[in-house]
Amino acid sequence: MSMPHSQMLHPPAMGGKTAWGVSEFMSKPSDDPEEIRQYQEAQAKFNNREEERLQRLKQMDKSAAHILEERRQRKAAFDPTQVNRTADLESFRQKQEEALRKMQEMRELKKLEKKQKKDAGKGDGKKTKKDKKKGKKKKEKKKKKEKDKKKKKDKGKKRKKSSSSSDSDSSDSSDSSSSS
């Protein structure tokens, strides 16, 4: 199977043929006759399709003015008021509102379920005397820790002040140490 070199280089857009539309088939005596027949049938089918396509294009070229005139008439006769889009908009709006309403209902249901679970976990919602005492003890411990931290910070600051002031003035450091 050999092809002329010039047809291989040109794509269909440049006037060449596609792979199915290769040029004349040159057979050799050693080629299988069945393959040759299949190739010739495929070539004939391709040529028929190509011819039909070209004929349709020629027909369209001839009737181009007629097609343009039909389109102009349709465009001129078009009445936008006849298109009933308001009904479509209303139905769409109703669907959207219904969907939003359902979403809101689901959100409220979830909130109620969470609240019920929370209430069920607490019991009746009232604290017992033991719970109140535990809460008070915890608060007292926190306050005590905070006071201790403040005292340590204040002591650290006073020591730093006293050491820095002793370098400059020894009499001021004795006053600051005696005041604590």
N, C-alpha and C. Protein backbone atom coordinates (compact mmCIF):
# COMPACT_ATOMS: atom_id res chain seq x y z
N MET A 1 0.84 -1.17 0.00
CA MET A 1 0.00 0.00 0.00
C MET A 1 0.88 1.23 0.00
N SER A 2 0.90 1.91 -1.07
CA SER A 2 1.71 3.12 -1.14
C SER A 2 0.83 4.30 -1.47
N MET A 3 1.20 5.47 -0.93
CA MET A 3 0.45 6.69 -1.17
C MET A 3 1.36 7.71 -1.80
N PRO A 4 0.83 8.56 -2.64
CA PRO A 4 1.67 9.63 -3.17
C PRO A 4 2.11 10.52 -2.01
N HIS A 5 3.33 10.95 -2.07
CA HIS A 5 3.91 11.73 -0.98
C HIS A 5 3.18 13.05 -0.75
N SER A 6 2.69 13.68 -1.81
CA SER A 6 2.05 15.00 -1.67
C SER A 6 0.75 14.92 -0.88
N GLN A 7 0.00 13.84 -0.96
CA GLN A 7 -1.28 13.75 -0.25
C GLN A 7 -1.07 13.49 1.23
N MET A 8 0.02 12.91 1.62
CA MET A 8 0.27 12.64 3.02
C MET A 8 0.56 13.92 3.79
N LEU A 9 1.12 14.90 3.15
CA LEU A 9 1.55 16.10 3.85
C LEU A 9 0.44 17.11 4.09
N HIS A 10 -0.68 17.00 3.38
CA HIS A 10 -1.71 18.01 3.50
C HIS A 10 -2.88 17.53 4.35
N PRO A 11 -3.21 18.28 5.41
CA PRO A 11 -4.37 17.91 6.21
C PRO A 11 -5.66 18.27 5.47
N PRO A 12 -6.80 17.77 5.94
CA PRO A 12 -8.07 18.03 5.25
C PRO A 12 -8.38 19.52 5.10
N ALA A 13 -7.98 20.34 6.06
CA ALA A 13 -8.26 21.77 5.98
C ALA A 13 -7.53 22.42 4.82
N MET A 14 -6.46 21.79 4.36
CA MET A 14 -5.66 22.37 3.26
C MET A 14 -5.94 21.66 1.94
N GLY A 15 -7.03 20.93 1.88
CA GLY A 15 -7.37 20.28 0.63
C GLY A 15 -6.95 18.83 0.55
N GLY A 16 -6.24 18.35 1.56
CA GLY A 16 -5.85 16.95 1.57
C GLY A 16 -7.00 16.09 2.06
N LYS A 17 -6.81 14.80 2.07
CA LYS A 17 -7.86 13.90 2.52
C LYS A 17 -7.48 13.30 3.87
N THR A 18 -8.50 12.81 4.57
CA THR A 18 -8.26 12.20 5.87
C THR A 18 -7.66 10.82 5.67
N ALA A 19 -7.37 10.14 6.75
CA ALA A 19 -6.77 8.81 6.68
C ALA A 19 -7.67 7.84 5.93
N TRP A 20 -8.99 8.04 6.01
CA TRP A 20 -9.91 7.14 5.33
C TRP A 20 -9.99 7.46 3.84
N GLY A 21 -9.59 8.67 3.49
CA GLY A 21 -9.73 9.06 2.11
C GLY A 21 -8.40 9.14 1.40
N VAL A 22 -7.57 8.16 1.60
CA VAL A 22 -6.26 8.16 0.95
C VAL A 22 -6.43 7.98 -0.55
N SER A 23 -5.40 8.27 -1.27
CA SER A 23 -5.49 8.22 -2.74
C SER A 23 -5.61 6.77 -3.23
N GLU A 24 -5.51 6.61 -4.50
CA GLU A 24 -5.70 5.30 -5.13
C GLU A 24 -4.80 4.24 -4.51
N PHE A 25 -5.36 3.08 -4.39
CA PHE A 25 -4.66 1.96 -3.77
C PHE A 25 -3.83 1.24 -4.84
N MET A 26 -2.59 1.07 -4.55
CA MET A 26 -1.69 0.37 -5.48
C MET A 26 -1.39 -0.99 -4.86
N SER A 27 -1.90 -2.02 -5.43
CA SER A 27 -1.70 -3.34 -4.85
C SER A 27 -0.52 -4.04 -5.51
N LYS A 28 -0.02 -4.98 -4.77
CA LYS A 28 1.09 -5.80 -5.26
C LYS A 28 0.56 -7.23 -5.46
N PRO A 29 1.20 -7.99 -6.24
CA PRO A 29 0.72 -9.37 -6.45
C PRO A 29 0.73 -10.20 -5.17
N SER A 30 1.56 -9.85 -4.21
CA SER A 30 1.63 -10.64 -2.98
C SER A 30 0.57 -10.24 -1.96
N ASP A 31 -0.24 -9.18 -2.20
CA ASP A 31 -1.27 -8.74 -1.25
C ASP A 31 -2.44 -9.70 -1.24
N ASP A 32 -3.08 -9.81 -0.09
CA ASP A 32 -4.24 -10.67 0.07
C ASP A 32 -5.43 -10.07 -0.68
N PRO A 33 -6.10 -10.84 -1.53
CA PRO A 33 -7.22 -10.30 -2.31
C PRO A 33 -8.40 -9.85 -1.43
N GLU A 34 -8.60 -10.52 -0.31
CA GLU A 34 -9.69 -10.13 0.61
C GLU A 34 -9.42 -8.75 1.21
N GLU A 35 -8.19 -8.51 1.61
CA GLU A 35 -7.81 -7.19 2.14
C GLU A 35 -7.98 -6.10 1.09
N ILE A 36 -7.61 -6.42 -0.13
CA ILE A 36 -7.74 -5.45 -1.22
C ILE A 36 -9.21 -5.10 -1.42
N ARG A 37 -10.08 -6.11 -1.42
CA ARG A 37 -11.51 -5.87 -1.61
C ARG A 37 -12.08 -5.02 -0.47
N GLN A 38 -11.71 -5.34 0.80
CA GLN A 38 -12.19 -4.57 1.95
C GLN A 38 -11.72 -3.12 1.87
N TYR A 39 -10.48 -2.94 1.48
CA TYR A 39 -9.94 -1.59 1.37
C TYR A 39 -10.68 -0.81 0.29
N GLN A 40 -10.97 -1.43 -0.84
CA GLN A 40 -11.66 -0.75 -1.93
C GLN A 40 -13.10 -0.40 -1.54
N GLU A 41 -13.75 -1.29 -0.77
CA GLU A 41 -15.10 -0.99 -0.28
C GLU A 41 -15.08 0.21 0.66
N ALA A 42 -14.12 0.21 1.59
CA ALA A 42 -14.01 1.32 2.53
C ALA A 42 -13.74 2.62 1.78
N GLN A 43 -12.89 2.54 0.76
CA GLN A 43 -12.57 3.72 -0.03
C GLN A 43 -13.81 4.23 -0.77
N ALA A 44 -14.60 3.31 -1.31
CA ALA A 44 -15.81 3.70 -2.05
C ALA A 44 -16.83 4.34 -1.10
N LYS A 45 -16.99 3.77 0.11
CA LYS A 45 -17.91 4.34 1.09
C LYS A 45 -17.47 5.76 1.48
N PHE A 46 -16.20 5.91 1.70
CA PHE A 46 -15.69 7.23 2.06
C PHE A 46 -15.95 8.23 0.93
N ASN A 47 -15.65 7.83 -0.29
CA ASN A 47 -15.85 8.73 -1.43
C ASN A 47 -17.32 9.11 -1.57
N ASN A 48 -18.23 8.17 -1.32
CA ASN A 48 -19.67 8.48 -1.39
C ASN A 48 -20.06 9.49 -0.32
N ARG A 49 -19.59 9.26 0.91
CA ARG A 49 -19.91 10.20 1.99
C ARG A 49 -19.37 11.59 1.68
N GLU A 50 -18.14 11.63 1.19
CA GLU A 50 -17.52 12.92 0.86
C GLU A 50 -18.30 13.62 -0.25
N GLU A 51 -18.74 12.88 -1.23
CA GLU A 51 -19.50 13.47 -2.34
C GLU A 51 -20.84 14.01 -1.84
N GLU A 52 -21.51 13.25 -0.97
CA GLU A 52 -22.79 13.71 -0.41
C GLU A 52 -22.59 14.99 0.40
N ARG A 53 -21.54 15.03 1.20
CA ARG A 53 -21.26 16.22 2.01
C ARG A 53 -21.02 17.43 1.11
N LEU A 54 -20.23 17.25 0.08
CA LEU A 54 -19.95 18.36 -0.83
C LEU A 54 -21.22 18.82 -1.54
N GLN A 55 -22.08 17.87 -1.91
CA GLN A 55 -23.34 18.23 -2.57
C GLN A 55 -24.24 19.04 -1.61
N ARG A 56 -24.30 18.62 -0.34
CA ARG A 56 -25.09 19.37 0.65
C ARG A 56 -24.55 20.78 0.80
N LEU A 57 -23.23 20.93 0.86
CA LEU A 57 -22.64 22.26 0.98
C LEU A 57 -22.98 23.14 -0.23
N LYS A 58 -22.91 22.57 -1.42
CA LYS A 58 -23.26 23.32 -2.63
C LYS A 58 -24.73 23.75 -2.58
N GLN A 59 -25.58 22.84 -2.13
CA GLN A 59 -27.01 23.15 -2.03
C GLN A 59 -27.24 24.28 -1.04
N MET A 60 -26.53 24.25 0.07
CA MET A 60 -26.66 25.31 1.07
C MET A 60 -26.17 26.64 0.50
N ASP A 61 -25.09 26.61 -0.27
CA ASP A 61 -24.59 27.84 -0.90
C ASP A 61 -25.63 28.43 -1.84
N LYS A 62 -26.31 27.56 -2.58
CA LYS A 62 -27.33 28.04 -3.52
C LYS A 62 -28.52 28.64 -2.77
N SER A 63 -28.89 28.02 -1.65
CA SER A 63 -30.07 28.48 -0.93
C SER A 63 -29.73 29.40 0.25
N ALA A 64 -28.52 29.94 0.28
CA ALA A 64 -28.11 30.80 1.39
C ALA A 64 -28.99 32.03 1.50
N ALA A 65 -29.32 32.65 0.37
CA ALA A 65 -30.18 33.83 0.39
C ALA A 65 -31.56 33.48 0.93
N HIS A 66 -32.07 32.33 0.54
CA HIS A 66 -33.38 31.88 1.01
C HIS A 66 -33.36 31.65 2.53
N ILE A 67 -32.30 30.99 3.03
CA ILE A 67 -32.17 30.72 4.47
C ILE A 67 -32.09 32.04 5.23
N LEU A 68 -31.30 32.98 4.73
CA LEU A 68 -31.19 34.29 5.39
C LEU A 68 -32.54 35.00 5.44
N GLU A 69 -33.27 34.95 4.35
CA GLU A 69 -34.58 35.60 4.30
C GLU A 69 -35.54 34.99 5.30
N GLU A 70 -35.54 33.65 5.41
CA GLU A 70 -36.39 32.98 6.40
C GLU A 70 -36.05 33.42 7.81
N ARG A 71 -34.78 33.51 8.12
CA ARG A 71 -34.34 33.92 9.46
C ARG A 71 -34.78 35.36 9.75
N ARG A 72 -34.65 36.24 8.76
CA ARG A 72 -35.07 37.64 8.94
C ARG A 72 -36.56 37.71 9.22
N GLN A 73 -37.34 36.92 8.49
CA GLN A 73 -38.79 36.93 8.69
C GLN A 73 -39.14 36.42 10.09
N ARG A 74 -38.49 35.35 10.51
CA ARG A 74 -38.76 34.83 11.86
C ARG A 74 -38.39 35.86 12.93
N LYS A 75 -37.26 36.55 12.70
CA LYS A 75 -36.81 37.56 13.67
C LYS A 75 -37.80 38.72 13.72
N ALA A 76 -38.28 39.15 12.57
CA ALA A 76 -39.24 40.25 12.52
C ALA A 76 -40.58 39.85 13.14
N ALA A 77 -40.97 38.59 12.96
CA ALA A 77 -42.26 38.13 13.47
C ALA A 77 -42.20 37.75 14.95
N PHE A 78 -41.04 37.73 15.52
CA PHE A 78 -40.91 37.31 16.92
C PHE A 78 -41.56 38.32 17.84
N ASP A 79 -42.39 37.84 18.74
CA ASP A 79 -43.06 38.71 19.70
C ASP A 79 -42.69 38.26 21.10
N PRO A 80 -41.88 39.04 21.78
CA PRO A 80 -41.43 38.60 23.11
C PRO A 80 -42.57 38.50 24.13
N THR A 81 -43.66 39.19 23.89
CA THR A 81 -44.76 39.12 24.85
C THR A 81 -45.47 37.77 24.79
N GLN A 82 -45.34 37.06 23.68
CA GLN A 82 -45.98 35.76 23.56
C GLN A 82 -45.26 34.69 24.38
N VAL A 83 -44.03 34.93 24.67
CA VAL A 83 -43.28 33.97 25.46
C VAL A 83 -43.70 34.15 26.91
N ASN A 84 -44.26 33.13 27.49
CA ASN A 84 -44.79 33.20 28.85
C ASN A 84 -43.73 32.73 29.84
N ARG A 85 -42.88 33.64 30.21
CA ARG A 85 -41.83 33.26 31.14
C ARG A 85 -42.22 33.58 32.57
N THR A 86 -43.24 34.44 32.77
CA THR A 86 -43.62 34.80 34.14
C THR A 86 -44.15 33.58 34.89
N ALA A 87 -44.87 32.71 34.22
CA ALA A 87 -45.37 31.50 34.88
C ALA A 87 -44.20 30.63 35.32
N ASP A 88 -43.19 30.55 34.47
CA ASP A 88 -42.01 29.77 34.83
C ASP A 88 -41.31 30.37 36.04
N LEU A 89 -41.22 31.69 36.07
CA LEU A 89 -40.57 32.37 37.19
C LEU A 89 -41.35 32.15 38.48
N GLU A 90 -42.66 32.22 38.39
CA GLU A 90 -43.49 32.03 39.58
C GLU A 90 -43.34 30.61 40.13
N SER A 91 -43.37 29.63 39.25
CA SER A 91 -43.24 28.25 39.73
C SER A 91 -41.85 28.02 40.33
N PHE A 92 -40.83 28.61 39.70
CA PHE A 92 -39.47 28.50 40.24
C PHE A 92 -39.39 29.15 41.61
N ARG A 93 -39.97 30.33 41.73
CA ARG A 93 -39.94 31.05 43.00
C ARG A 93 -40.65 30.25 44.08
N GLN A 94 -41.79 29.66 43.75
CA GLN A 94 -42.52 28.86 44.72
C GLN A 94 -41.70 27.65 45.17
N LYS A 95 -41.04 27.00 44.24
CA LYS A 95 -40.19 25.85 44.59
C LYS A 95 -39.08 26.27 45.53
N GLN A 96 -38.46 27.41 45.21
CA GLN A 96 -37.35 27.89 46.05
C GLN A 96 -37.84 28.22 47.46
N GLU A 97 -38.99 28.91 47.56
CA GLU A 97 -39.53 29.26 48.88
C GLU A 97 -39.86 28.01 49.68
N GLU A 98 -40.42 27.01 49.01
CA GLU A 98 -40.75 25.77 49.71
C GLU A 98 -39.48 25.07 50.21
N ALA A 99 -38.46 25.06 49.39
CA ALA A 99 -37.20 24.44 49.80
C ALA A 99 -36.61 25.19 50.99
N LEU A 100 -36.63 26.51 50.95
CA LEU A 100 -36.10 27.29 52.06
C LEU A 100 -36.91 27.06 53.34
N ARG A 101 -38.23 26.96 53.21
CA ARG A 101 -39.07 26.70 54.36
C ARG A 101 -38.73 25.34 54.98
N LYS A 102 -38.55 24.32 54.13
CA LYS A 102 -38.19 22.99 54.64
C LYS A 102 -36.85 23.01 55.35
N MET A 103 -35.90 23.76 54.77
CA MET A 103 -34.58 23.86 55.40
C MET A 103 -34.70 24.50 56.78
N GLN A 104 -35.52 25.54 56.90
CA GLN A 104 -35.70 26.22 58.18
C GLN A 104 -36.34 25.27 59.20
N GLU A 105 -37.33 24.50 58.75
CA GLU A 105 -37.97 23.54 59.65
C GLU A 105 -36.97 22.50 60.15
N MET A 106 -36.14 21.99 59.24
CA MET A 106 -35.13 21.00 59.63
C MET A 106 -34.15 21.59 60.64
N ARG A 107 -33.76 22.84 60.42
CA ARG A 107 -32.84 23.50 61.33
C ARG A 107 -33.45 23.62 62.73
N GLU A 108 -34.73 24.01 62.77
CA GLU A 108 -35.41 24.14 64.06
C GLU A 108 -35.53 22.79 64.75
N LEU A 109 -35.83 21.73 63.98
CA LEU A 109 -35.92 20.39 64.56
C LEU A 109 -34.59 19.96 65.17
N LYS A 110 -33.51 20.24 64.47
CA LYS A 110 -32.19 19.87 64.98
C LYS A 110 -31.89 20.61 66.27
N LYS A 111 -32.25 21.90 66.32
CA LYS A 111 -32.03 22.68 67.54
C LYS A 111 -32.81 22.09 68.71
N LEU A 112 -34.07 21.73 68.46
CA LEU A 112 -34.89 21.14 69.52
C LEU A 112 -34.30 19.82 70.00
N GLU A 113 -33.84 18.99 69.04
CA GLU A 113 -33.25 17.70 69.42
C GLU A 113 -32.01 17.90 70.28
N LYS A 114 -31.16 18.85 69.90
CA LYS A 114 -29.96 19.13 70.69
C LYS A 114 -30.33 19.58 72.08
N LYS A 115 -31.34 20.44 72.17
CA LYS A 115 -31.76 20.96 73.46
C LYS A 115 -32.30 19.84 74.33
N GLN A 116 -33.09 18.93 73.72
CA GLN A 116 -33.64 17.81 74.48
C GLN A 116 -32.54 16.88 74.97
N LYS A 117 -31.55 16.62 74.11
CA LYS A 117 -30.42 15.79 74.54
C LYS A 117 -29.67 16.43 75.68
N LYS A 118 -29.48 17.72 75.60
CA LYS A 118 -28.76 18.45 76.63
C LYS A 118 -29.52 18.39 77.95
N ASP A 119 -30.82 18.60 77.88
CA ASP A 119 -31.65 18.54 79.08
C ASP A 119 -31.69 17.12 79.65
N ALA A 120 -31.74 16.12 78.79
CA ALA A 120 -31.77 14.73 79.25
C ALA A 120 -30.45 14.36 79.94
N GLY A 121 -29.37 14.91 79.49
CA GLY A 121 -28.07 14.63 80.08
C GLY A 121 -27.92 15.25 81.45
N LYS A 122 -28.55 16.37 81.69
CA LYS A 122 -28.46 17.05 82.98
C LYS A 122 -29.39 16.44 84.01
N GLY A 123 -30.38 15.78 83.59
CA GLY A 123 -31.39 15.25 84.51
C GLY A 123 -32.53 16.23 84.57
N ASP A 124 -32.86 16.67 85.82
CA ASP A 124 -33.97 17.62 85.92
C ASP A 124 -33.47 19.06 85.82
N GLY A 125 -32.16 19.24 85.75
CA GLY A 125 -31.62 20.58 85.52
C GLY A 125 -31.22 21.29 86.80
N LYS A 126 -31.56 20.76 88.01
CA LYS A 126 -31.21 21.41 89.27
C LYS A 126 -29.96 20.78 89.86
N LYS A 127 -29.11 21.62 90.44
CA LYS A 127 -27.89 21.12 91.07
C LYS A 127 -28.19 20.68 92.50
N THR A 128 -27.50 19.60 92.88
CA THR A 128 -27.65 19.13 94.26
C THR A 128 -26.72 19.93 95.16
N LYS A 129 -26.87 19.73 96.47
CA LYS A 129 -26.04 20.46 97.42
C LYS A 129 -24.57 20.08 97.27
N LYS A 130 -24.30 18.80 96.98
CA LYS A 130 -22.92 18.35 96.78
C LYS A 130 -22.29 19.06 95.60
N ASP A 131 -23.04 19.14 94.50
CA ASP A 131 -22.54 19.82 93.31
C ASP A 131 -22.24 21.29 93.60
N LYS A 132 -23.12 21.93 94.37
CA LYS A 132 -22.91 23.34 94.71
C LYS A 132 -21.64 23.52 95.54
N LYS A 133 -21.44 22.61 96.54
CA LYS A 133 -20.25 22.70 97.38
C LYS A 133 -18.98 22.48 96.57
N LYS A 134 -19.01 21.51 95.67
CA LYS A 134 -17.86 21.24 94.81
C LYS A 134 -17.53 22.46 93.96
N GLY A 135 -18.56 23.09 93.43
CA GLY A 135 -18.37 24.28 92.62
C GLY A 135 -17.73 25.40 93.41
N LYS A 136 -18.19 25.59 94.66
CA LYS A 136 -17.63 26.65 95.51
C LYS A 136 -16.17 26.37 95.84
N LYS A 137 -15.87 25.12 96.15
CA LYS A 137 -14.49 24.75 96.49
C LYS A 137 -13.58 25.00 95.29
N LYS A 138 -14.02 24.65 94.12
CA LYS A 138 -13.21 24.87 92.92
C LYS A 138 -12.95 26.35 92.71
N LYS A 139 -13.97 27.16 92.91
CA LYS A 139 -13.82 28.60 92.73
C LYS A 139 -12.83 29.16 93.75
N GLU A 140 -12.93 28.69 95.00
CA GLU A 140 -12.01 29.17 96.04
C GLU A 140 -10.57 28.79 95.71
N LYS A 141 -10.37 27.57 95.23
CA LYS A 141 -9.02 27.14 94.86
C LYS A 141 -8.46 27.99 93.73
N LYS A 142 -9.28 28.30 92.74
CA LYS A 142 -8.82 29.14 91.63
C LYS A 142 -8.42 30.52 92.13
N LYS A 143 -9.24 31.09 93.01
CA LYS A 143 -8.93 32.42 93.54
C LYS A 143 -7.62 32.40 94.33
N LYS A 144 -7.44 31.36 95.11
CA LYS A 144 -6.24 31.24 95.91
C LYS A 144 -5.00 31.13 95.02
N LYS A 145 -5.09 30.32 93.96
CA LYS A 145 -3.96 30.19 93.04
C LYS A 145 -3.64 31.52 92.37
N GLU A 146 -4.67 32.23 91.97
CA GLU A 146 -4.46 33.53 91.32
C GLU A 146 -3.77 34.50 92.28
N LYS A 147 -4.17 34.51 93.54
CA LYS A 147 -3.54 35.40 94.54
C LYS A 147 -2.08 35.03 94.73
N ASP A 148 -1.80 33.72 94.80
CA ASP A 148 -0.42 33.28 94.97
C ASP A 148 0.44 33.72 93.78
N LYS A 149 -0.09 33.59 92.60
CA LYS A 149 0.65 34.01 91.40
C LYS A 149 0.93 35.50 91.44
N LYS A 150 -0.05 36.28 91.85
CA LYS A 150 0.14 37.74 91.92
C LYS A 150 1.22 38.09 92.94
N LYS A 151 1.20 37.42 94.06
CA LYS A 151 2.20 37.69 95.10
C LYS A 151 3.60 37.39 94.59
N LYS A 152 3.74 36.25 93.91
CA LYS A 152 5.05 35.88 93.38
C LYS A 152 5.53 36.89 92.36
N LYS A 153 4.63 37.34 91.51
CA LYS A 153 5.00 38.34 90.51
C LYS A 153 5.41 39.65 91.17
N ASP A 154 4.65 40.06 92.17
CA ASP A 154 4.96 41.32 92.87
C ASP A 154 6.32 41.23 93.56
N LYS A 155 6.61 40.10 94.19
CA LYS A 155 7.90 39.92 94.86
C LYS A 155 9.03 39.98 93.85
N GLY A 156 8.83 39.34 92.72
CA GLY A 156 9.85 39.34 91.67
C GLY A 156 10.10 40.75 91.15
N LYS A 157 9.07 41.52 91.00
CA LYS A 157 9.20 42.91 90.52
C LYS A 157 9.93 43.76 91.54
N LYS A 158 9.58 43.59 92.83
CA LYS A 158 10.23 44.39 93.89
C LYS A 158 11.71 44.06 93.96
N ARG A 159 12.06 42.79 93.83
CA ARG A 159 13.47 42.40 93.88
C ARG A 159 14.24 43.01 92.72
N LYS A 160 13.63 43.00 91.53
CA LYS A 160 14.29 43.59 90.38
C LYS A 160 14.47 45.08 90.57
N LYS A 161 13.45 45.75 91.11
CA LYS A 161 13.54 47.19 91.34
C LYS A 161 14.61 47.49 92.38
N SER A 162 14.64 46.69 93.41
CA SER A 162 15.61 46.95 94.49
C SER A 162 17.04 46.72 94.00
N SER A 163 17.26 45.72 93.19
CA SER A 163 18.61 45.47 92.70
C SER A 163 19.05 46.55 91.72
N SER A 164 18.14 47.05 90.90
CA SER A 164 18.51 48.08 89.94
C SER A 164 18.68 49.43 90.64
N SER A 165 17.91 49.68 91.69
CA SER A 165 18.04 50.95 92.39
C SER A 165 19.24 50.96 93.31
N SER A 166 19.70 49.80 93.76
CA SER A 166 20.87 49.75 94.65
C SER A 166 22.12 50.18 93.92
N ASP A 167 22.16 49.93 92.63
CA ASP A 167 23.31 50.36 91.86
C ASP A 167 23.39 51.89 91.82
N SER A 168 22.24 52.53 91.69
CA SER A 168 22.24 53.98 91.56
C SER A 168 22.22 54.67 92.91
N ASP A 169 21.42 54.14 93.85
CA ASP A 169 21.28 54.81 95.14
C ASP A 169 21.07 53.77 96.21
N SER A 170 21.93 53.64 97.15
CA SER A 170 21.84 52.63 98.19
C SER A 170 20.82 52.98 99.24
N SER A 171 20.58 54.23 99.47
CA SER A 171 19.62 54.64 100.50
C SER A 171 18.18 54.33 100.07
N ASP A 172 17.88 54.43 98.77
CA ASP A 172 16.53 54.11 98.30
C ASP A 172 16.24 52.62 98.42
N SER A 173 17.24 51.79 98.22
CA SER A 173 17.02 50.35 98.29
C SER A 173 16.69 49.92 99.70
N SER A 174 17.29 50.54 100.69
CA SER A 174 16.99 50.18 102.06
C SER A 174 15.56 50.57 102.42
N ASP A 175 15.09 51.68 101.87
CA ASP A 175 13.71 52.10 102.11
C ASP A 175 12.73 51.13 101.45
N SER A 176 13.03 50.71 100.23
CA SER A 176 12.10 49.82 99.53
C SER A 176 12.07 48.44 100.16
N SER A 177 13.20 47.96 100.71
CA SER A 177 13.23 46.64 101.35
C SER A 177 12.54 46.69 102.70
N SER A 178 12.62 47.79 103.39
CA SER A 178 11.97 47.91 104.70
C SER A 178 10.47 48.09 104.56
N SER A 179 10.02 48.61 103.45
CA SER A 179 8.58 48.81 103.26
C SER A 179 7.84 47.52 103.02
N SER A 180 8.50 46.50 102.58
CA SER A 180 7.84 45.22 102.33
C SER A 180 7.78 44.40 103.54
